[in-house]
Amino acid sequence: MPQGAQSDALRRFKADVFLALGHPTRIFILECLGDGEKPVSVLIERIGIEPANLSQHLAVLRAKRLVTNRKDGHQVFYALRDPLLIELLDVARRYFQGHLEEALAMLKEMEL
């Protein structure tokens, strides 16, 4: 595979991951799964959304292979496919926190 095509495929993969992360509810789902596998019932309770809505978000995360699922009896359990996702979310939090602090400092200067 030519170098440019390989890089293009990697960029598409990255874009797909960030697209899947592009909704606050999906980020919340991943954060909830950060400390281990959870049944759908626990996710519904923690996130506070309707089961159908949760199902749609989980379908996006499954399609992008960010979560795995397994069935045990009548319950479906979800888990992170790779714990590195939590590190990625932490880096994003620190990035935005740093820029938020910068924006707040600029606003304070403007008030003077």
Protein backbone atom coordinates (compact mmCIF):
# COMPACT_ATOMS: atom_id res chain seq x y z
CA MET A 1 0.00 0.00 0.00
CA PRO A 2 1.43 3.44 -0.90
CA GLN A 3 2.48 5.63 2.03
CA GLY A 4 -0.15 8.31 1.28
CA ALA A 5 -2.95 5.73 1.14
CA GLN A 6 -1.86 4.25 4.45
CA SER A 7 -1.83 7.68 6.06
CA ASP A 8 -5.22 8.44 4.53
CA ALA A 9 -6.68 5.23 5.97
CA LEU A 10 -5.29 6.12 9.39
CA ARG A 11 -6.76 9.63 9.18
CA ARG A 12 -10.16 8.15 8.27
CA PHE A 13 -9.91 5.76 11.23
CA LYS A 14 -9.08 8.64 13.59
CA ALA A 15 -11.91 10.74 12.18
CA ASP A 16 -14.36 7.86 12.72
CA VAL A 17 -13.27 7.51 16.35
CA PHE A 18 -13.63 11.24 16.99
CA LEU A 19 -16.99 11.24 15.21
CA ALA A 20 -18.19 8.54 17.60
CA LEU A 21 -16.89 10.62 20.51
CA GLY A 22 -18.71 13.68 19.18
CA HIS A 23 -21.73 13.41 21.48
CA PRO A 24 -21.74 14.12 25.24
CA THR A 25 -23.88 11.05 25.97
CA ARG A 26 -21.43 8.73 24.24
CA ILE A 27 -18.55 10.26 26.20
CA PHE A 28 -20.57 9.74 29.40
CA ILE A 29 -21.14 6.09 28.43
CA LEU A 30 -17.41 5.55 27.94
CA GLU A 31 -16.65 7.26 31.25
CA CYS A 32 -19.16 4.97 32.99
CA LEU A 33 -17.42 1.96 31.46
CA GLY A 34 -14.01 3.25 32.52
CA ASP A 35 -14.07 1.27 35.75
CA GLY A 36 -15.30 -1.95 34.17
CA GLU A 37 -18.08 -3.78 32.43
CA LYS A 38 -21.66 -2.67 33.14
CA PRO A 39 -25.10 -4.08 32.34
CA VAL A 40 -27.39 -1.90 30.26
CA SER A 41 -29.65 -1.38 33.30
CA VAL A 42 -26.81 0.30 35.22
CA LEU A 43 -25.95 2.51 32.25
CA ILE A 44 -29.59 3.61 31.96
CA GLU A 45 -29.67 4.46 35.67
CA ARG A 46 -26.34 6.31 35.73
CA ILE A 47 -26.83 8.24 32.51
CA GLY A 48 -30.52 8.92 33.01
CA ILE A 49 -31.76 8.44 29.45
CA GLU A 50 -34.44 6.30 27.85
CA PRO A 51 -33.41 2.75 26.90
CA ALA A 52 -34.06 3.38 23.19
CA ASN A 53 -31.82 6.46 23.27
CA LEU A 54 -29.06 4.55 25.07
CA SER A 55 -29.38 1.74 22.54
CA GLN A 56 -28.79 4.17 19.66
CA HIS A 57 -25.66 5.58 21.29
CA LEU A 58 -24.35 2.10 22.10
CA ALA A 59 -24.94 1.08 18.47
CA VAL A 60 -22.68 3.94 17.30
CA LEU A 61 -19.98 2.96 19.79
CA ARG A 62 -20.24 -0.70 18.75
CA ALA A 63 -20.11 0.17 15.05
CA LYS A 64 -16.87 2.09 15.60
CA ARG A 65 -15.59 -0.80 17.74
CA LEU A 66 -15.10 1.33 20.84
CA VAL A 67 -17.14 -0.99 23.07
CA THR A 68 -17.82 -4.70 23.24
CA ASN A 69 -20.92 -6.43 24.47
CA ARG A 70 -21.91 -9.84 25.73
CA LYS A 71 -25.18 -11.38 26.77
CA ASP A 72 -25.65 -13.24 30.05
CA GLY A 73 -29.17 -14.55 30.42
CA HIS A 74 -31.50 -11.62 29.86
CA GLN A 75 -28.85 -8.98 30.56
CA VAL A 76 -26.50 -7.36 28.07
CA PHE A 77 -23.18 -6.14 29.40
CA TYR A 78 -20.94 -3.52 27.80
CA ALA A 79 -17.24 -2.88 28.26
CA LEU A 80 -14.56 -0.69 26.72
CA ARG A 81 -12.77 -2.44 23.91
CA ASP A 82 -9.54 -0.70 24.92
CA PRO A 83 -8.86 1.13 28.21
CA LEU A 84 -6.73 3.62 26.25
CA LEU A 85 -10.03 5.37 25.47
CA ILE A 86 -10.13 6.62 29.06
CA GLU A 87 -6.62 8.02 28.63
CA LEU A 88 -7.73 9.72 25.40
CA LEU A 89 -10.70 11.29 27.21
CA ASP A 90 -8.40 12.40 30.03
CA VAL A 91 -6.04 14.07 27.55
CA ALA A 92 -9.04 15.82 25.96
CA ARG A 93 -10.23 16.98 29.40
CA ARG A 94 -6.80 18.40 30.21
CA TYR A 95 -6.60 20.05 26.79
CA PHE A 96 -9.98 21.76 27.18
CA GLN A 97 -9.32 22.63 30.82
CA GLY A 98 -6.08 24.35 29.81
CA HIS A 99 -7.84 26.35 27.14
CA LEU A 100 -10.72 27.17 29.46
CA GLU A 101 -8.31 28.61 32.00
CA GLU A 102 -6.69 30.65 29.22
CA ALA A 103 -10.07 31.97 28.06
CA LEU A 104 -11.05 32.90 31.61
CA ALA A 105 -7.76 34.75 32.08
CA MET A 106 -8.38 36.72 28.86
CA LEU A 107 -11.88 37.64 30.06
CA LYS A 108 -10.46 38.91 33.35
CA GLU A 109 -7.95 41.05 31.47
CA MET A 110 -10.74 42.48 29.33
CA GLU A 111 -12.63 43.52 32.47
CA LEU A 112 -9.70 45.58 33.75
